[in-house]
Each structure stands twice: as structure tokens, then as C-alpha cells.
Protein backbone atom coordinates (compact mmCIF):
# COMPACT_ATOMS: atom_id res chain seq x y z
CA UNK A 1 -50.04 -222.56 103.58
CA UNK A 2 -52.73 -224.92 104.01
CA UNK A 3 -52.67 -227.67 106.95
CA UNK A 4 -52.23 -230.49 104.65
CA UNK A 5 -49.17 -229.16 102.84
CA UNK A 6 -47.85 -228.42 106.03
CA UNK A 7 -48.06 -232.04 107.26
CA UNK A 8 -46.19 -233.07 104.40
CA UNK A 9 -43.06 -231.27 105.80
CA UNK A 10 -42.64 -234.03 108.42
CA UNK A 11 -39.16 -235.50 107.92
CA UNK A 12 -39.41 -238.47 109.95
CA UNK A 13 -40.94 -241.04 107.39
CA UNK A 14 -38.17 -239.84 104.99
CA UNK A 15 -35.55 -240.29 107.67
CA UNK A 16 -36.57 -243.66 108.34
CA UNK A 17 -36.77 -244.59 104.91
CA UNK A 18 -33.34 -243.42 104.19
CA UNK A 19 -31.58 -245.00 107.19
CA UNK A 20 -33.54 -248.26 106.63
CA UNK A 21 -32.10 -248.57 103.05
CA UNK A 22 -28.57 -246.98 103.48
CA UNK A 23 -25.98 -249.90 102.86
CA UNK A 24 -23.47 -248.77 105.45
CA UNK A 25 -26.13 -248.25 108.11
CA UNK A 26 -27.88 -251.53 107.26
CA UNK A 27 -24.39 -253.25 107.63
CA UNK A 28 -23.38 -251.58 110.85
CA UNK A 29 -26.79 -252.62 112.35
CA UNK A 30 -26.34 -256.22 111.20
CA UNK A 31 -29.35 -256.44 108.94
CA UNK A 32 -32.46 -254.82 107.69
CA UNK A 33 -35.64 -253.86 109.73
CA UNK A 34 -33.67 -252.20 112.53
CA UNK A 35 -34.78 -248.76 112.02
CA UNK A 36 -38.01 -247.39 113.15
CA UNK A 37 -40.38 -245.45 115.69
CA UNK A 38 -40.23 -248.40 118.59
CA UNK A 39 -37.64 -249.93 120.77
CA UNK A 40 -38.13 -253.50 119.77
CA UNK A 41 -35.72 -256.33 118.97
CA UNK A 42 -33.65 -257.22 117.20
CA UNK A 43 -30.67 -255.23 118.58
CA UNK A 44 -28.79 -253.06 117.82
CA UNK A 45 -31.76 -250.81 116.57
CA UNK A 46 -32.05 -247.17 115.64
CA UNK A 47 -35.21 -245.57 117.00
CA UNK A 48 -36.16 -242.18 115.23
CA UNK A 49 -38.41 -239.80 117.38
CA UNK A 50 -39.38 -235.99 117.16
CA UNK A 51 -38.73 -234.68 120.62
CA UNK A 52 -41.02 -232.01 121.90
CA UNK A 53 -40.36 -228.66 120.20
CA UNK A 54 -42.13 -225.21 119.62
CA UNK A 55 -44.41 -225.27 116.66
CA UNK A 56 -45.91 -221.72 116.93
CA UNK A 57 -43.74 -220.05 114.39
CA UNK A 58 -44.18 -222.57 111.50
CA UNK A 59 -43.74 -220.91 108.16
CA UNK A 60 -43.29 -222.53 104.53
CA UNK A 61 -39.94 -223.60 105.63
CA UNK A 62 -39.95 -225.96 108.79
CA UNK A 63 -36.95 -226.66 111.03
CA UNK A 64 -37.60 -229.96 112.84
CA UNK A 65 -35.41 -231.57 115.35
CA UNK A 66 -35.14 -235.29 114.70
CA UNK A 67 -33.87 -237.64 117.62
CA UNK A 68 -31.84 -240.79 116.88
CA UNK A 69 -31.73 -243.38 119.58
CA UNK A 70 -29.23 -246.48 119.29
CA UNK A 71 -30.29 -249.26 121.50
CA UNK A 72 -28.38 -252.21 122.44
CA UNK A 73 -29.43 -255.60 124.14
CA UNK A 74 -30.07 -255.79 127.86
CA UNK A 75 -27.29 -258.38 128.26
CA UNK A 76 -24.65 -255.54 127.09
CA UNK A 77 -23.37 -257.68 123.96
CA UNK A 78 -23.47 -254.36 122.09
CA UNK A 79 -20.79 -251.96 123.62
CA UNK A 80 -21.22 -248.20 124.26
CA UNK A 81 -18.63 -247.39 121.58
CA UNK A 82 -20.60 -249.40 118.83
CA UNK A 83 -23.96 -247.67 119.84
CA UNK A 84 -22.26 -244.19 119.67
CA UNK A 85 -20.65 -245.18 116.27
CA UNK A 86 -24.17 -246.07 115.10
CA UNK A 87 -25.47 -242.61 115.96
CA UNK A 88 -22.57 -240.95 114.03
CA UNK A 89 -23.28 -243.03 111.24
CA UNK A 90 -26.82 -242.13 111.17
CA UNK A 91 -26.04 -238.58 111.34
CA UNK A 92 -23.53 -238.78 108.42
CA UNK A 93 -26.05 -240.57 106.34
CA UNK A 94 -28.75 -238.15 106.78
CA UNK A 95 -26.64 -235.42 105.65
CA UNK A 96 -26.94 -236.91 102.26
CA UNK A 97 -30.89 -236.28 102.00
CA UNK A 98 -30.67 -232.90 100.74
CA UNK A 99 -28.76 -234.22 97.51
CA UNK A 100 -31.28 -237.12 96.95
CA UNK A 101 -34.49 -236.97 94.83
CA UNK A 102 -37.61 -236.20 96.73
CA UNK A 103 -40.18 -238.74 96.64
CA UNK A 104 -43.52 -237.91 95.31
CA UNK A 105 -45.64 -236.15 98.06
CA UNK A 106 -42.47 -236.31 100.51
CA UNK A 107 -40.85 -233.24 101.98
CA UNK A 108 -38.25 -231.32 100.31
CA UNK A 109 -35.22 -231.60 102.70
CA UNK A 110 -32.94 -228.61 102.07
CA UNK A 111 -30.60 -228.89 104.99
CA UNK A 112 -29.48 -231.22 107.81
CA UNK A 113 -27.17 -230.14 110.64
CA UNK A 114 -26.14 -233.19 112.49
CA UNK A 115 -24.46 -233.80 115.70
CA UNK A 116 -26.52 -231.36 117.85
CA UNK A 117 -25.52 -233.66 120.54
CA UNK A 118 -24.53 -237.46 120.94
CA UNK A 119 -24.78 -238.73 124.57
CA UNK A 120 -24.98 -241.88 126.54
CA UNK A 121 -28.42 -242.18 127.93
CA UNK A 122 -29.35 -245.67 129.11
CA UNK A 123 -32.93 -246.60 129.69
CA UNK A 124 -34.17 -246.84 133.36
CA UNK A 125 -34.06 -250.61 132.70
CA UNK A 126 -30.60 -250.51 132.08
CA UNK A 127 -30.97 -251.03 128.26
CA UNK A 128 -27.95 -249.45 126.67
CA UNK A 129 -28.70 -246.30 124.51
CA UNK A 130 -26.90 -243.43 122.79
CA UNK A 131 -29.04 -240.50 121.83
CA UNK A 132 -28.22 -237.95 119.23
CA UNK A 133 -30.26 -235.09 117.50
CA UNK A 134 -30.16 -233.13 114.33
CA UNK A 135 -32.10 -230.32 112.82
CA UNK A 136 -33.81 -230.65 109.40
CA UNK A 137 -34.80 -227.91 107.27
CA UNK A 138 -37.75 -228.89 105.00
CA UNK A 139 -40.66 -227.67 102.98
CA UNK A 140 -43.65 -229.38 101.14
CA UNK A 141 -43.30 -230.18 97.49
CA UNK A 142 -45.69 -228.11 95.43
CA UNK A 143 -46.71 -231.18 93.36
CA UNK A 144 -48.30 -234.12 95.22
């Protein structure tokens, strides 16, 4: 497997695109443009990251851990229950990915195991945050 093909197995862009366009997730967040890589307003917001892991055994099928972080405002207007529900909603939406068509050049996602953990983890600043992780099985599409 060449390096460029392996790079196309990264599920993060596809996860962000799916959650950003998912009607239930968008409704729960209160609008579009609230899913991404950074913790920026407006809130609530879902931040998608790839936590540190071990890439030494990469083969054609890649199993990635994806972290979903639901952030609220510093003023606490968005409660813990709402943020936790956002994490579970995002995990449920990601379970749809294996059934959806693969975008050109995107990773073929074959399995999503959600709910590795959902937990309260506020930022040191006091900003409310729930964190969840899932595992995504993917491989590069043969055709680009």
C-alpha cells in the first residue's frame, strides 16, 4: 500500500462532513457550521479530533479512534444533559456512515463502533464539555 492511498483512509474529513450535514445533529446544535476541528463559537459545538494512538500496525484496513467533544458556553446556558445528548446523537449519526455512498477519493468506511466512552470533561477554563469516542474501520477506495 502506498503512502498516498493510506492517507486517504483518514475518516476525520468524512465524519465532519456527515455530522455537519446531518439534519438531526444540525437541529440539535441550533444551526449549521457548528461541527469542526476547533473549539470556537457559536455554541453548542461539536469538535472532532483524532486522539493519540498507535499507527505501527497500519495495514490496508485502518481502525481509527475518533473523538467527539460537545462544548457549551462559558456562561453555562447549555446544560450537561444537552451536551451529553449531543455526543450520543453524533455517535448515532456516525453509525450511518457504512451505509452511505463513498465520496470520490474518500475513505470507504465499513464499520463504526460508537460509545467507547462518553464522559463529562470540562476544560480547565470551566467551559462545559462532554467527550465521546468511537472506532471507525476504513480503507482507501481503489479509484480516485
